[in-house]
């Protein structure tokens, strides 16, 4: 079964965008807990650091992740379709 590469890429982009918005909201609401969770995820002690979340930064991050994940999803689907042949 072939994948429609553009639709798959768009699905990846939308999914990453939703996750980015949720994460940004959580960082704004509970920054110390999110910093602790982020440190646990990368096996580092990040408590001495802090968040510098701005609206412009969050929007740029949203755009960047949407583009990168959309392209990556498209690329994965395109490679997958080529491997079927």
PDB file of N, CA and C in Angstrom:
ATOM      1  N   UNK A   1       0.841  -1.173   0.000  1.00  0.00           N
ATOM      2  CA  UNK A   1       0.000   0.000   0.000  1.00  0.00           C
ATOM      3  C   UNK A   1       0.888   1.239   0.000  1.00  0.00           C
ATOM      4  N   UNK A   2       0.704   2.083  -0.976  1.00  0.00           N
ATOM      5  CA  UNK A   2       1.472   3.320  -1.057  1.00  0.00           C
ATOM      6  C   UNK A   2       0.859   4.387  -0.162  1.00  0.00           C
ATOM      7  N   UNK A   3       1.729   5.250   0.330  1.00  0.00           N
ATOM      8  CA  UNK A   3       1.286   6.395   1.127  1.00  0.00           C
ATOM      9  C   UNK A   3       1.235   7.633   0.245  1.00  0.00           C
ATOM     10  N   UNK A   4       0.279   8.490   0.482  1.00  0.00           N
ATOM     11  CA  UNK A   4       0.247   9.773  -0.210  1.00  0.00           C
ATOM     12  C   UNK A   4       1.204  10.682   0.548  1.00  0.00           C
ATOM     13  N   UNK A   5       2.380  10.933  -0.040  1.00  0.00           N
ATOM     14  CA  UNK A   5       3.477  11.601   0.654  1.00  0.00           C
ATOM     15  C   UNK A   5       3.085  12.999   1.158  1.00  0.00           C
ATOM     16  N   UNK A   6       2.381  13.768   0.365  1.00  0.00           N
ATOM     17  CA  UNK A   6       2.006  15.127   0.787  1.00  0.00           C
ATOM     18  C   UNK A   6       1.029  15.095   1.961  1.00  0.00           C
ATOM     19  N   UNK A   7       0.052  14.203   1.904  1.00  0.00           N
ATOM     20  CA  UNK A   7      -0.914  14.102   2.999  1.00  0.00           C
ATOM     21  C   UNK A   7      -0.256  13.594   4.275  1.00  0.00           C
ATOM     22  N   UNK A   8       0.666  12.654   4.136  1.00  0.00           N
ATOM     23  CA  UNK A   8       1.382  12.146   5.300  1.00  0.00           C
ATOM     24  C   UNK A   8       2.244  13.247   5.909  1.00  0.00           C
ATOM     25  N   UNK A   9       2.924  14.007   5.068  1.00  0.00           N
ATOM     26  CA  UNK A   9       3.726  15.129   5.543  1.00  0.00           C
ATOM     27  C   UNK A   9       2.874  16.174   6.243  1.00  0.00           C
ATOM     28  N   UNK A  10       1.706  16.451   5.700  1.00  0.00           N
ATOM     29  CA  UNK A  10       0.792  17.416   6.327  1.00  0.00           C
ATOM     30  C   UNK A  10       0.292  16.898   7.670  1.00  0.00           C
ATOM     31  N   UNK A  11      -0.012  15.609   7.745  1.00  0.00           N
ATOM     32  CA  UNK A  11      -0.451  15.019   9.010  1.00  0.00           C
ATOM     33  C   UNK A  11       0.645  15.128  10.068  1.00  0.00           C
ATOM     34  N   UNK A  12       1.880  14.884   9.674  1.00  0.00           N
ATOM     35  CA  UNK A  12       3.005  15.031  10.608  1.00  0.00           C
ATOM     36  C   UNK A  12       3.139  16.476  11.064  1.00  0.00           C
ATOM     37  N   UNK A  13       3.003  17.405  10.152  1.00  0.00           N
ATOM     38  CA  UNK A  13       3.122  18.820  10.460  1.00  0.00           C
ATOM     39  C   UNK A  13       2.034  19.281  11.431  1.00  0.00           C
ATOM     40  N   UNK A  14       0.812  18.881  11.176  1.00  0.00           N
ATOM     41  CA  UNK A  14      -0.307  19.264  12.049  1.00  0.00           C
ATOM     42  C   UNK A  14      -0.139  18.628  13.434  1.00  0.00           C
ATOM     43  N   UNK A  15       0.263  17.370  13.464  1.00  0.00           N
ATOM     44  CA  UNK A  15       0.463  16.691  14.751  1.00  0.00           C
ATOM     45  C   UNK A  15       1.538  17.386  15.580  1.00  0.00           C
ATOM     46  N   UNK A  16       2.661  17.700  14.966  1.00  0.00           N
ATOM     47  CA  UNK A  16       3.742  18.386  15.677  1.00  0.00           C
ATOM     48  C   UNK A  16       3.303  19.773  16.142  1.00  0.00           C
ATOM     49  N   UNK A  17       2.506  20.449  15.333  1.00  0.00           N
ATOM     50  CA  UNK A  17       2.024  21.781  15.702  1.00  0.00           C
ATOM     51  C   UNK A  17       1.119  21.722  16.928  1.00  0.00           C
ATOM     52  N   UNK A  18       0.240  20.741  16.970  1.00  0.00           N
ATOM     53  CA  UNK A  18      -0.649  20.582  18.129  1.00  0.00           C
ATOM     54  C   UNK A  18       0.179  20.300  19.383  1.00  0.00           C
ATOM     55  N   UNK A  19       1.156  19.396  19.269  1.00  0.00           N
ATOM     56  CA  UNK A  19       2.009  19.076  20.408  1.00  0.00           C
ATOM     57  C   UNK A  19       2.827  20.285  20.847  1.00  0.00           C
ATOM     58  N   UNK A  20       3.306  21.080  19.900  1.00  0.00           N
ATOM     59  CA  UNK A  20       4.084  22.282  20.226  1.00  0.00           C
ATOM     60  C   UNK A  20       3.235  23.286  21.002  1.00  0.00           C
ATOM     61  N   UNK A  21       2.022  23.498  20.561  1.00  0.00           N
ATOM     62  CA  UNK A  21       1.136  24.444  21.253  1.00  0.00           C
ATOM     63  C   UNK A  21       0.839  23.953  22.666  1.00  0.00           C
ATOM     64  N   UNK A  22       0.542  22.680  22.819  1.00  0.00           N
ATOM     65  CA  UNK A  22       0.274  22.123  24.155  1.00  0.00           C
ATOM     66  C   UNK A  22       1.499  22.285  25.050  1.00  0.00           C
ATOM     67  N   UNK A  23       2.666  21.961  24.527  1.00  0.00           N
ATOM     68  CA  UNK A  23       3.894  22.077  25.300  1.00  0.00           C
ATOM     69  C   UNK A  23       4.163  23.531  25.685  1.00  0.00           C
ATOM     70  N   UNK A  24       3.980  24.451  24.764  1.00  0.00           N
ATOM     71  CA  UNK A  24       4.203  25.877  25.048  1.00  0.00           C
ATOM     72  C   UNK A  24       3.256  26.386  26.125  1.00  0.00           C
ATOM     73  N   UNK A  25       2.012  25.943  26.079  1.00  0.00           N
ATOM     74  CA  UNK A  25       1.044  26.336  27.108  1.00  0.00           C
ATOM     75  C   UNK A  25       1.464  25.782  28.468  1.00  0.00           C
ATOM     76  N   UNK A  26       1.897  24.529  28.492  1.00  0.00           N
ATOM     77  CA  UNK A  26       2.348  23.939  29.755  1.00  0.00           C
ATOM     78  C   UNK A  26       3.582  24.644  30.308  1.00  0.00           C
ATOM     79  N   UNK A  27       4.511  25.033  29.444  1.00  0.00           N
ATOM     80  CA  UNK A  27       5.696  25.773  29.894  1.00  0.00           C
ATOM     81  C   UNK A  27       5.279  27.113  30.485  1.00  0.00           C
ATOM     82  N   UNK A  28       4.308  27.767  29.877  1.00  0.00           N
ATOM     83  CA  UNK A  28       3.844  29.056  30.390  1.00  0.00           C
ATOM     84  C   UNK A  28       3.113  28.903  31.729  1.00  0.00           C
ATOM     85  N   UNK A  29       2.352  27.815  31.890  1.00  0.00           N
ATOM     86  CA  UNK A  29       1.553  27.630  33.100  1.00  0.00           C
ATOM     87  C   UNK A  29       2.340  27.026  34.260  1.00  0.00           C
ATOM     88  N   UNK A  30       3.174  26.039  33.974  1.00  0.00           N
ATOM     89  CA  UNK A  30       3.927  25.345  35.035  1.00  0.00           C
ATOM     90  C   UNK A  30       5.395  25.190  34.613  1.00  0.00           C
ATOM     91  N   UNK A  31       6.125  26.299  34.568  1.00  0.00           N
ATOM     92  CA  UNK A  31       7.490  26.255  34.034  1.00  0.00           C
ATOM     93  C   UNK A  31       8.448  25.355  34.811  1.00  0.00           C
ATOM     94  N   UNK A  32       8.404  25.355  36.137  1.00  0.00           N
ATOM     95  CA  UNK A  32       9.371  24.553  36.888  1.00  0.00           C
ATOM     96  C   UNK A  32       9.123  23.055  36.698  1.00  0.00           C
ATOM     97  N   UNK A  33       7.880  22.643  36.654  1.00  0.00           N
ATOM     98  CA  UNK A  33       7.570  21.229  36.439  1.00  0.00           C
ATOM     99  C   UNK A  33       7.994  20.804  35.030  1.00  0.00           C
ATOM    100  N   UNK A  34       7.744  21.649  34.043  1.00  0.00           N
ATOM    101  CA  UNK A  34       8.129  21.318  32.671  1.00  0.00           C
ATOM    102  C   UNK A  34       9.643  21.270  32.517  1.00  0.00           C
ATOM    103  N   UNK A  35      10.361  22.132  33.234  1.00  0.00           N
ATOM    104  CA  UNK A  35      11.816  22.105  33.192  1.00  0.00           C
ATOM    105  C   UNK A  35      12.334  20.803  33.793  1.00  0.00           C
ATOM    106  N   UNK A  36      11.718  20.368  34.874  1.00  0.00           N
ATOM    107  CA  UNK A  36      12.092  19.113  35.507  1.00  0.00           C
ATOM    108  C   UNK A  36      11.812  17.930  34.580  1.00  0.00           C
ATOM    109  N   UNK A  37      10.661  17.925  33.955  1.00  0.00           N
ATOM    110  CA  UNK A  37      10.295  16.848  33.026  1.00  0.00           C
ATOM    111  C   UNK A  37      11.252  16.835  31.839  1.00  0.00           C
ATOM    112  N   UNK A  38      11.570  18.012  31.304  1.00  0.00           N
ATOM    113  CA  UNK A  38      12.496  18.095  30.169  1.00  0.00           C
ATOM    114  C   UNK A  38      13.864  17.555  30.553  1.00  0.00           C
ATOM    115  N   UNK A  39      14.325  17.889  31.758  1.00  0.00           N
ATOM    116  CA  UNK A  39      15.600  17.365  32.231  1.00  0.00           C
ATOM    117  C   UNK A  39      15.585  15.858  32.358  1.00  0.00           C
ATOM    118  N   UNK A  40      14.481  15.320  32.866  1.00  0.00           N
ATOM    119  CA  UNK A  40      14.359  13.868  32.985  1.00  0.00           C
ATOM    120  C   UNK A  40      14.392  13.194  31.609  1.00  0.00           C
ATOM    121  N   UNK A  41      13.794  13.841  30.621  1.00  0.00           N
ATOM    122  CA  UNK A  41      13.736  13.260  29.280  1.00  0.00           C
ATOM    123  C   UNK A  41      15.106  13.184  28.616  1.00  0.00           C
ATOM    124  N   UNK A  42      15.988  14.134  28.931  1.00  0.00           N
ATOM    125  CA  UNK A  42      17.312  14.143  28.304  1.00  0.00           C
ATOM    126  C   UNK A  42      18.410  13.729  29.279  1.00  0.00           C
ATOM    127  N   UNK A  43      18.006  13.205  30.447  1.00  0.00           N
ATOM    128  CA  UNK A  43      18.942  12.702  31.459  1.00  0.00           C
ATOM    129  C   UNK A  43      19.929  13.774  31.901  1.00  0.00           C
ATOM    130  N   UNK A  44      19.409  14.986  32.148  1.00  0.00           N
ATOM    131  CA  UNK A  44      20.246  16.102  32.578  1.00  0.00           C
ATOM    132  C   UNK A  44      19.580  16.832  33.730  1.00  0.00           C
ATOM    133  N   UNK A  45      20.379  17.566  34.470  1.00  0.00           N
ATOM    134  CA  UNK A  45      19.866  18.412  35.535  1.00  0.00           C
ATOM    135  C   UNK A  45      19.724  19.829  34.966  1.00  0.00           C
ATOM    136  N   UNK A  46      18.515  20.245  34.701  1.00  0.00           N
ATOM    137  CA  UNK A  46      18.273  21.544  34.067  1.00  0.00           C
ATOM    138  C   UNK A  46      17.715  22.586  35.046  1.00  0.00           C
ATOM    139  N   UNK A  47      17.636  22.255  36.317  1.00  0.00           N
ATOM    140  CA  UNK A  47      16.991  23.156  37.282  1.00  0.00           C
ATOM    141  C   UNK A  47      17.676  24.511  37.390  1.00  0.00           C
ATOM    142  N   UNK A  48      18.991  24.579  37.115  1.00  0.00           N
ATOM    143  CA  UNK A  48      19.692  25.861  37.188  1.00  0.00           C
ATOM    144  C   UNK A  48      19.424  26.735  35.972  1.00  0.00           C
ATOM    145  N   UNK A  49      18.832  26.150  34.970  1.00  0.00           N
ATOM    146  CA  UNK A  49      18.478  26.917  33.775  1.00  0.00           C
ATOM    147  C   UNK A  49      17.062  27.454  33.947  1.00  0.00           C
ATOM    148  N   UNK A  50      16.618  28.208  32.996  1.00  0.00           N
ATOM    149  CA  UNK A  50      15.253  28.707  33.052  1.00  0.00           C
ATOM    150  C   UNK A  50      14.678  28.834  31.657  1.00  0.00           C
ATOM    151  N   UNK A  51      13.385  28.967  31.599  1.00  0.00           N
ATOM    152  CA  UNK A  51      12.705  29.173  30.320  1.00  0.00           C
ATOM    153  C   UNK A  51      12.713  30.653  29.971  1.00  0.00           C
ATOM    154  N   UNK A  52      12.835  30.929  28.704  1.00  0.00           N
ATOM    155  CA  UNK A  52      12.718  32.301  28.203  1.00  0.00           C
ATOM    156  C   UNK A  52      11.687  32.280  27.074  1.00  0.00           C
ATOM    157  N   UNK A  53      10.472  31.978  27.428  1.00  0.00           N
ATOM    158  CA  UNK A  53       9.405  31.804  26.448  1.00  0.00           C
ATOM    159  C   UNK A  53       8.738  33.140  26.156  1.00  0.00           C
ATOM    160  N   UNK A  54       8.767  33.527  24.895  1.00  0.00           N
ATOM    161  CA  UNK A  54       8.048  34.719  24.439  1.00  0.00           C
ATOM    162  C   UNK A  54       7.041  34.287  23.381  1.00  0.00           C
ATOM    163  N   UNK A  55       6.070  35.105  23.118  1.00  0.00           N
ATOM    164  CA  UNK A  55       5.076  34.784  22.097  1.00  0.00           C
ATOM    165  C   UNK A  55       5.737  34.643  20.725  1.00  0.00           C
ATOM    166  N   UNK A  56       6.635  35.559  20.411  1.00  0.00           N
ATOM    167  CA  UNK A  56       7.325  35.498  19.111  1.00  0.00           C
ATOM    168  C   UNK A  56       8.170  34.227  19.022  1.00  0.00           C
ATOM    169  N   UNK A  57       8.883  33.889  20.104  1.00  0.00           N
ATOM    170  CA  UNK A  57       9.678  32.666  20.115  1.00  0.00           C
ATOM    171  C   UNK A  57       8.831  31.422  19.952  1.00  0.00           C
ATOM    172  N   UNK A  58       7.692  31.403  20.633  1.00  0.00           N
ATOM    173  CA  UNK A  58       6.788  30.249  20.513  1.00  0.00           C
ATOM    174  C   UNK A  58       6.244  30.131  19.089  1.00  0.00           C
ATOM    175  N   UNK A  59       5.929  31.245  18.462  1.00  0.00           N
ATOM    176  CA  UNK A  59       5.417  31.209  17.088  1.00  0.00           C
ATOM    177  C   UNK A  59       6.495  30.769  16.099  1.00  0.00           C
ATOM    178  N   UNK A  60       7.729  31.279  16.279  1.00  0.00           N
ATOM    179  CA  UNK A  60       8.820  30.847  15.408  1.00  0.00           C
ATOM    180  C   UNK A  60       9.095  29.355  15.582  1.00  0.00           C
ATOM    181  N   UNK A  61       9.056  28.889  16.820  1.00  0.00           N
ATOM    182  CA  UNK A  61       9.231  27.467  17.075  1.00  0.00           C
ATOM    183  C   UNK A  61       8.136  26.641  16.417  1.00  0.00           C
ATOM    184  N   UNK A  62       6.909  27.134  16.494  1.00  0.00           N
ATOM    185  CA  UNK A  62       5.775  26.457  15.863  1.00  0.00           C
ATOM    186  C   UNK A  62       5.991  26.336  14.357  1.00  0.00           C
ATOM    187  N   UNK A  63       6.372  27.415  13.728  1.00  0.00           N
ATOM    188  CA  UNK A  63       6.605  27.403  12.274  1.00  0.00           C
ATOM    189  C   UNK A  63       7.762  26.461  11.929  1.00  0.00           C
ATOM    190  N   UNK A  64       8.854  26.564  12.684  1.00  0.00           N
ATOM    191  CA  UNK A  64      10.022  25.732  12.401  1.00  0.00           C
ATOM    192  C   UNK A  64       9.692  24.243  12.531  1.00  0.00           C
ATOM    193  N   UNK A  65       9.029  23.860  13.625  1.00  0.00           N
ATOM    194  CA  UNK A  65       8.686  22.453  13.810  1.00  0.00           C
ATOM    195  C   UNK A  65       7.682  21.973  12.770  1.00  0.00           C
ATOM    196  N   UNK A  66       6.738  22.837  12.395  1.00  0.00           N
ATOM    197  CA  UNK A  66       5.757  22.448  11.376  1.00  0.00           C
ATOM    198  C   UNK A  66       6.454  22.168  10.042  1.00  0.00           C
ATOM    199  N   UNK A  67       7.385  23.024   9.661  1.00  0.00           N
ATOM    200  CA  UNK A  67       8.101  22.840   8.387  1.00  0.00           C
ATOM    201  C   UNK A  67       8.985  21.598   8.440  1.00  0.00           C
ATOM    202  N   UNK A  68       9.762  21.465   9.507  1.00  0.00           N
ATOM    203  CA  UNK A  68      10.694  20.336   9.613  1.00  0.00           C
ATOM    204  C   UNK A  68       9.945  19.002   9.663  1.00  0.00           C
ATOM    205  N   UNK A  69       8.895  18.916  10.475  1.00  0.00           N
ATOM    206  CA  UNK A  69       8.172  17.649  10.563  1.00  0.00           C
ATOM    207  C   UNK A  69       7.374  17.362   9.294  1.00  0.00           C
ATOM    208  N   UNK A  70       6.860  18.401   8.660  1.00  0.00           N
ATOM    209  CA  UNK A  70       6.150  18.194   7.394  1.00  0.00           C
ATOM    210  C   UNK A  70       7.074  17.644   6.326  1.00  0.00           C
ATOM    211  N   UNK A  71       8.261  18.244   6.212  1.00  0.00           N
ATOM    212  CA  UNK A  71       9.240  17.760   5.234  1.00  0.00           C
ATOM    213  C   UNK A  71       9.700  16.352   5.577  1.00  0.00           C
ATOM    214  N   UNK A  72       9.965  16.102   6.852  1.00  0.00           N
ATOM    215  CA  UNK A  72      10.419  14.782   7.269  1.00  0.00           C
ATOM    216  C   UNK A  72       9.356  13.719   6.987  1.00  0.00           C
ATOM    217  N   UNK A  73       8.099  14.024   7.277  1.00  0.00           N
ATOM    218  CA  UNK A  73       7.015  13.083   6.984  1.00  0.00           C
ATOM    219  C   UNK A  73       6.893  12.808   5.500  1.00  0.00           C
ATOM    220  N   UNK A  74       6.999  13.870   4.686  1.00  0.00           N
ATOM    221  CA  UNK A  74       6.949  13.699   3.236  1.00  0.00           C
ATOM    222  C   UNK A  74       8.096  12.808   2.772  1.00  0.00           C
ATOM    223  N   UNK A  75       9.304  13.073   3.304  1.00  0.00           N
ATOM    224  CA  UNK A  75      10.478  12.306   2.905  1.00  0.00           C
ATOM    225  C   UNK A  75      10.338  10.841   3.293  1.00  0.00           C
ATOM    226  N   UNK A  76       9.862  10.577   4.491  1.00  0.00           N
ATOM    227  CA  UNK A  76       9.664   9.184   4.926  1.00  0.00           C
ATOM    228  C   UNK A  76       8.670   8.465   4.018  1.00  0.00           C
ATOM    229  N   UNK A  77       7.553   9.122   3.707  1.00  0.00           N
ATOM    230  CA  UNK A  77       6.549   8.496   2.839  1.00  0.00           C
ATOM    231  C   UNK A  77       7.094   8.282   1.432  1.00  0.00           C
ATOM    232  N   UNK A  78       7.853   9.237   0.925  1.00  0.00           N
ATOM    233  CA  UNK A  78       8.419   9.107  -0.422  1.00  0.00           C
ATOM    234  C   UNK A  78       9.419   7.947  -0.466  1.00  0.00           C
ATOM    235  N   UNK A  79      10.265   7.825   0.543  1.00  0.00           N
ATOM    236  CA  UNK A  79      11.221   6.720   0.577  1.00  0.00           C
ATOM    237  C   UNK A  79      10.491   5.388   0.731  1.00  0.00           C
ATOM    238  N   UNK A  80       9.493   5.352   1.599  1.00  0.00           N
ATOM    239  CA  UNK A  80       8.701   4.148   1.794  1.00  0.00           C
ATOM    240  C   UNK A  80       8.067   3.698   0.466  1.00  0.00           C
ATOM    241  N   UNK A  81       7.477   4.646  -0.259  1.00  0.00           N
ATOM    242  CA  UNK A  81       6.834   4.310  -1.536  1.00  0.00           C
ATOM    243  C   UNK A  81       7.860   3.776  -2.548  1.00  0.00           C
ATOM    244  N   UNK A  82       9.070   4.338  -2.549  1.00  0.00           N
ATOM    245  CA  UNK A  82      10.104   3.864  -3.480  1.00  0.00           C
ATOM    246  C   UNK A  82      10.569   2.455  -3.116  1.00  0.00           C
ATOM    247  N   UNK A  83      10.583   2.140  -1.817  1.00  0.00           N
ATOM    248  CA  UNK A  83      11.017   0.813  -1.387  1.00  0.00           C
ATOM    249  C   UNK A  83      10.000  -0.277  -1.732  1.00  0.00           C
ATOM    250  N   UNK A  84       8.769   0.103  -1.982  1.00  0.00           N
ATOM    251  CA  UNK A  84       7.738  -0.871  -2.356  1.00  0.00           C
ATOM    252  C   UNK A  84       7.962  -1.444  -3.739  1.00  0.00           C
ATOM    253  N   UNK A  85       8.641  -0.694  -4.577  1.00  0.00           N
ATOM    254  CA  UNK A  85       8.843  -1.141  -5.978  1.00  0.00           C
ATOM    255  C   UNK A  85       9.896  -2.191  -6.097  1.00  0.00           C
TER     256      UNK A  85
END
